[in-house]
Protein backbone atom coordinates (compact mmCIF):
# COMPACT_ATOMS: atom_id res chain seq x y z
CA MET A 1 168.67 103.41 140.58
CA LEU A 2 167.96 102.16 137.11
CA MET A 3 164.57 101.00 136.05
CA ALA A 4 163.33 99.20 132.96
CA ASN A 5 161.33 100.91 130.29
CA ARG A 6 158.22 102.99 130.94
CA ILE A 7 155.55 101.86 128.52
CA LYS A 8 152.44 103.71 127.44
CA ILE A 9 149.62 101.29 126.74
CA SER A 10 146.00 102.05 125.71
CA ALA A 11 143.49 99.54 127.09
CA PHE A 12 139.90 98.73 125.86
CA ILE A 13 140.54 100.36 122.35
CA GLY A 14 138.19 99.82 119.42
CA ARG A 15 138.42 97.41 116.65
CA ASN A 16 137.22 97.48 112.98
CA ALA A 17 134.43 100.05 112.49
CA LEU A 18 134.26 101.10 116.02
CA LYS A 19 136.66 103.93 116.79
CA ALA A 20 137.74 104.04 120.49
CA THR A 21 141.03 105.29 121.88
CA GLY A 22 140.29 103.59 125.21
CA ASN A 23 142.09 104.53 128.46
CA ALA A 24 145.92 105.13 128.64
CA CYS A 25 148.11 103.79 131.30
CA TYR A 26 151.87 104.09 131.90
CA VAL A 27 153.43 100.83 133.00
CA ASP A 28 156.85 100.96 134.81
CA VAL A 29 158.41 97.54 134.47
CA LEU A 30 160.85 96.91 137.30
CA SER A 31 163.45 94.24 137.93
CA SER A 32 162.52 93.90 141.59
CA ALA A 33 160.29 95.28 144.24
CA GLN A 34 163.28 97.30 145.64
CA GLU A 35 163.17 99.54 142.53
CA ALA A 36 159.69 100.83 143.23
CA ALA A 37 159.71 104.67 143.26
CA ALA A 38 157.67 106.96 145.26
CA PRO A 39 154.46 108.01 143.54
CA ALA A 40 155.46 111.70 143.65
CA ALA A 41 158.45 110.95 141.56
CA HIS A 42 156.37 110.07 138.52
CA ASN A 43 154.28 113.29 138.20
CA LEU A 44 152.03 111.72 135.63
CA ALA A 45 148.54 112.87 134.94
CA SER A 46 147.37 109.51 133.59
CA THR A 47 147.18 106.31 135.64
CA TYR A 48 150.38 104.52 136.00
CA CYS A 49 151.37 101.07 137.31
CA GLN A 50 154.49 99.60 138.84
CA THR A 51 155.00 95.86 138.01
CA HIS A 52 157.76 93.24 138.42
CA ARG A 53 157.89 89.62 137.93
CA LEU A 54 157.52 87.22 140.91
CA ASP A 55 157.99 83.83 139.19
CA SER A 56 157.25 82.22 135.78
CA GLU A 57 153.41 82.57 136.29
CA GLN A 58 152.80 85.54 138.67
CA VAL A 59 153.66 89.29 138.49
CA SER A 60 153.21 92.09 141.06
CA LEU A 61 151.21 95.14 140.31
CA GLN A 62 150.31 98.30 141.96
CA CYS A 63 148.41 101.02 140.15
CA PHE A 64 148.18 104.72 140.96
CA SER A 65 146.18 107.75 140.10
CA GLY A 66 148.28 110.80 140.95
CA LEU A 67 149.67 110.07 144.43
CA TYR A 68 147.11 107.56 145.45
CA PRO A 69 146.87 103.81 144.97
CA ILE A 70 143.97 102.42 143.08
CA ARG A 71 142.19 99.39 144.69
CA CYS A 72 140.82 97.98 141.42
CA CYS A 73 142.09 99.60 138.23
CA GLY A 74 140.61 97.74 135.20
CA HIS A 75 142.62 99.31 132.53
CA GLY A 76 145.80 99.30 134.56
CA LEU A 77 145.37 95.51 135.10
CA LEU A 78 144.59 95.01 131.42
CA SER A 79 147.57 96.93 130.31
CA ALA A 80 149.93 95.19 132.60
CA ALA A 81 148.50 91.78 131.55
CA HIS A 82 148.92 92.77 127.78
CA TYR A 83 152.51 93.58 128.40
CA TRP A 84 153.48 90.52 130.35
CA LEU A 85 151.52 88.00 128.23
CA HIS A 86 153.39 89.35 125.09
CA GLU A 87 156.76 89.63 126.88
CA THR A 88 156.58 86.07 128.22
CA GLN A 89 154.79 84.57 125.23
CA SER A 90 152.36 83.08 127.67
CA THR A 91 148.70 82.47 127.31
CA HIS A 92 147.90 83.06 131.02
CA LEU A 93 149.38 84.55 134.24
CA SER A 94 148.22 86.02 137.55
CA LEU A 95 148.53 89.63 138.68
CA VAL A 96 149.07 90.01 142.38
CA THR A 97 147.94 93.26 143.91
CA SER A 98 147.71 94.48 147.50
CA GLU A 99 144.05 93.63 147.48
CA SER A 100 143.74 90.37 145.42
CA MET A 101 145.10 88.12 142.87
CA VAL A 102 143.50 88.46 139.32
CA LYS A 103 144.02 85.82 136.74
CA ALA A 104 144.59 87.05 133.18
CA TYR A 105 144.67 85.14 129.80
CA THR A 106 144.61 85.89 126.20
CA ASP A 107 142.43 84.37 123.51
CA THR A 108 144.48 81.85 121.44
CA ASP A 109 142.98 83.12 118.11
CA LEU A 110 144.45 86.12 116.16
CA SER A 111 142.38 88.65 117.97
CA HIS A 112 144.83 88.91 120.95
CA LYS A 113 141.98 90.00 123.24
CA VAL A 114 143.08 90.04 126.95
CA TRP A 115 140.76 88.76 129.69
CA LEU A 116 140.78 89.48 133.46
CA GLN A 117 138.91 87.15 135.93
CA PHE A 118 137.30 88.65 139.02
CA THR A 119 135.20 87.35 141.83
CA ARG A 120 131.52 88.33 141.04
CA LEU A 121 130.12 91.10 143.12
CA HIS A 122 126.33 91.12 143.63
CA HIS A 123 124.17 94.22 143.46
CA HIS A 124 121.56 95.45 145.85
CA PRO A 125 118.36 97.02 144.41
CA ILE A 126 117.33 100.27 146.12
CA THR A 127 114.64 102.81 145.78
CA MET A 128 115.46 105.46 143.24
CA PRO A 129 117.19 108.31 145.23
CA PRO A 130 115.19 111.52 145.04
CA TRP A 131 118.28 113.57 144.01
CA VAL A 132 118.46 111.61 140.77
CA ALA A 133 115.57 113.67 139.46
CA GLN A 134 117.51 116.77 140.10
CA LEU A 135 120.60 115.60 137.94
CA TYR A 136 118.34 114.16 135.15
CA PRO A 137 114.94 115.72 135.18
CA LYS A 138 114.17 115.04 131.54
CA GLN A 139 115.66 111.47 131.23
CA SER A 140 114.62 109.42 134.17
CA PRO A 141 116.36 106.05 134.88
CA ILE A 142 114.07 103.03 135.56
CA LYS A 143 116.31 101.11 138.06
CA ALA A 144 118.86 101.72 140.77
CA VAL A 145 121.31 99.40 142.39
CA THR A 146 124.35 99.67 144.59
CA TYR A 147 127.57 97.75 145.07
CA GLY A 148 129.88 97.98 147.97
CA ASP A 149 129.85 100.39 150.98
CA GLU A 150 128.99 104.04 151.07
CA GLN A 151 132.16 104.79 148.89
CA GLY A 152 131.29 102.03 146.33
CA TYR A 153 129.12 102.48 143.31
CA LEU A 154 125.60 103.51 142.31
CA LEU A 155 124.39 102.01 139.00
CA LEU A 156 121.42 103.58 137.26
CA GLN A 157 119.74 101.88 134.28
CA TRP A 158 117.79 103.75 131.67
CA PRO A 159 115.14 102.38 129.13
CA ASP A 160 116.61 100.38 126.18
CA GLY A 161 117.75 102.56 123.46
CA THR A 162 118.31 105.68 125.67
CA ASP A 163 121.20 107.79 124.24
CA ILE A 164 123.35 107.76 127.36
CA GLY A 165 125.76 110.07 125.51
CA GLU A 166 123.36 112.79 125.85
CA LEU A 167 123.35 112.79 129.70
CA THR A 168 124.94 115.76 131.35
CA ALA A 169 127.98 114.82 133.49
CA PRO A 170 127.13 115.62 137.07
CA ALA A 171 130.51 117.08 137.90
CA GLU A 172 131.02 118.36 141.52
CA GLN A 173 127.25 118.28 142.07
CA LEU A 174 127.27 114.50 142.52
CA GLY A 175 129.36 114.86 145.61
CA LEU A 176 126.55 116.84 147.36
CA PHE A 177 124.32 113.72 147.21
CA THR A 178 126.65 110.66 147.55
CA ARG A 179 130.12 109.43 147.96
CA ARG A 180 129.50 106.70 145.44
CA ALA A 181 130.87 106.57 141.92
CA LEU A 182 127.99 106.68 139.42
CA ILE A 183 127.47 104.29 136.46
CA CYS A 184 124.78 105.26 133.89
CA THR A 185 123.86 102.51 131.52
CA ALA A 186 121.16 101.21 129.04
CA ARG A 187 120.84 98.34 126.65
CA VAL A 188 121.15 99.01 122.97
CA SER A 189 117.68 98.67 121.34
CA HIS A 190 116.86 95.07 120.43
CA HIS A 191 120.23 93.72 121.63
CA VAL A 192 119.97 92.05 124.95
CA SER A 193 123.69 91.44 125.24
CA SER A 194 124.89 94.85 123.95
CA ILE A 195 125.06 97.93 126.28
CA VAL A 196 126.39 101.46 126.56
CA TYR A 197 127.46 103.21 129.72
CA ARG A 198 129.28 106.07 131.26
CA TYR A 199 131.26 106.42 134.53
CA PHE A 200 131.43 109.45 136.78
CA ALA A 201 133.45 109.84 139.99
CA PRO A 202 134.15 113.52 140.57
CA GLN A 203 134.34 112.97 144.31
CA TYR A 204 137.62 111.16 143.63
CA GLY A 205 139.03 113.48 140.96
CA VAL A 206 137.41 111.67 137.87
CA ASN A 207 134.76 113.83 136.32
CA GLU A 208 134.26 111.10 133.63
CA ASP A 209 136.47 108.14 132.99
CA ALA A 210 137.39 107.04 129.51
CA ALA A 211 137.08 103.28 129.72
CA THR A 212 136.40 101.66 133.00
CA GLY A 213 137.06 98.01 133.54
CA SER A 214 135.97 98.01 137.11
CA ALA A 215 132.59 99.28 136.05
CA MET A 216 132.23 96.55 133.45
CA ARG A 217 132.85 94.06 136.19
CA LEU A 218 129.67 95.20 137.84
CA LEU A 219 127.70 95.58 134.69
CA VAL A 220 128.22 91.91 133.79
CA ASP A 221 126.74 90.94 137.13
CA PHE A 222 123.91 93.38 136.71
CA PHE A 223 122.67 92.30 133.19
CA GLN A 224 123.32 88.69 133.85
CA GLN A 225 124.07 87.73 130.34
CA PRO A 226 126.58 84.96 129.55
CA GLU A 227 128.40 87.35 127.21
CA LEU A 228 128.15 91.11 127.09
CA GLN A 229 129.63 93.81 124.88
CA ALA A 230 129.77 97.43 125.93
CA VAL A 231 130.65 100.86 124.46
CA GLN A 232 131.73 103.32 127.06
CA LEU A 233 130.39 106.73 125.70
CA SER A 234 133.09 108.98 126.97
CA GLN A 235 134.82 111.51 124.70
CA GLN A 236 137.56 108.83 124.03
CA ARG A 237 135.27 105.90 124.01
CA GLY A 238 136.07 102.43 125.09
CA LEU A 239 135.09 98.89 123.80
CA LEU A 240 134.70 96.35 126.53
CA PHE A 241 133.61 92.66 126.76
CA GLY A 242 132.29 90.68 129.56
CA ARG A 243 131.49 87.10 130.50
CA LEU A 244 129.58 85.56 133.36
CA VAL A 245 131.09 82.24 134.46
CA GLY A 246 129.37 81.02 137.62
CA ASP A 247 130.78 83.01 140.54
CA ARG A 248 133.29 84.58 138.35
CA VAL A 249 133.21 87.64 136.10
CA GLU A 250 135.56 88.10 133.20
CA VAL A 251 136.28 91.51 131.65
CA GLY A 252 138.14 91.68 128.33
CA GLY A 253 139.43 94.15 125.80
CA TYR A 254 141.96 94.98 123.22
CA CYS A 255 145.24 96.91 124.10
CA GLN A 256 147.85 98.74 121.98
CA THR A 257 151.40 99.77 122.97
CA GLU A 258 151.69 103.49 122.32
CA ALA A 259 155.28 104.30 123.31
CA VAL A 260 158.30 102.95 125.10
CA ASP A 261 160.65 105.25 126.89
CA ALA A 262 163.49 105.13 129.45
CA ALA A 263 162.14 105.60 132.87
């Protein structure tokens, strides 16, 4: 079985003065669905995706973390979109996953920023869980909301200007209190459309993610700004952009191809 190249792409990288290495994804470009290899054959620590072309405007995509499929992988989607938009010299296409179809397009200016379009998910305000004070006794959040079911997301907002980077990663302790992934965020002081955030999901093997497009999808809904810019304050850092367009949310970012190897 001969597969096409395996491409390493970094998604949500920084630009200009903002240094951010983003989140790496290995993209296996197949000539057909029959070439898909079992996840165990890859043995990659990073996220990887398998993709092949369906027609002139659609590609198939499945993303994995280790042996397990990922339902919504923002940096995997962005990496695959970056590859196919460049490869086909198109300005738009659709990514077909097992869960949904995500439209992707690139800005027509020289920035080459790639955008993904999602259905908007709405948050549900909740009373602050008592255990949050155990995790963050000195820096208390001011608002808590949830997305999805009990294995969805908990989003905590801190006061404007809070240094989210100083928060302690909850590690395995988070799993004692909830099955939800945790998003911690705050507005940058005096900038209503600029935020910082971090993402933790140790229950699912991710102590802290580098740059999380699926979290940005929720943050665009939460802050309800027409346009939003975010810096994810992981060790690697990520630069993400968002737009709120009616019942749709758009998540954008820059990508860089790091390496191309024979798979």
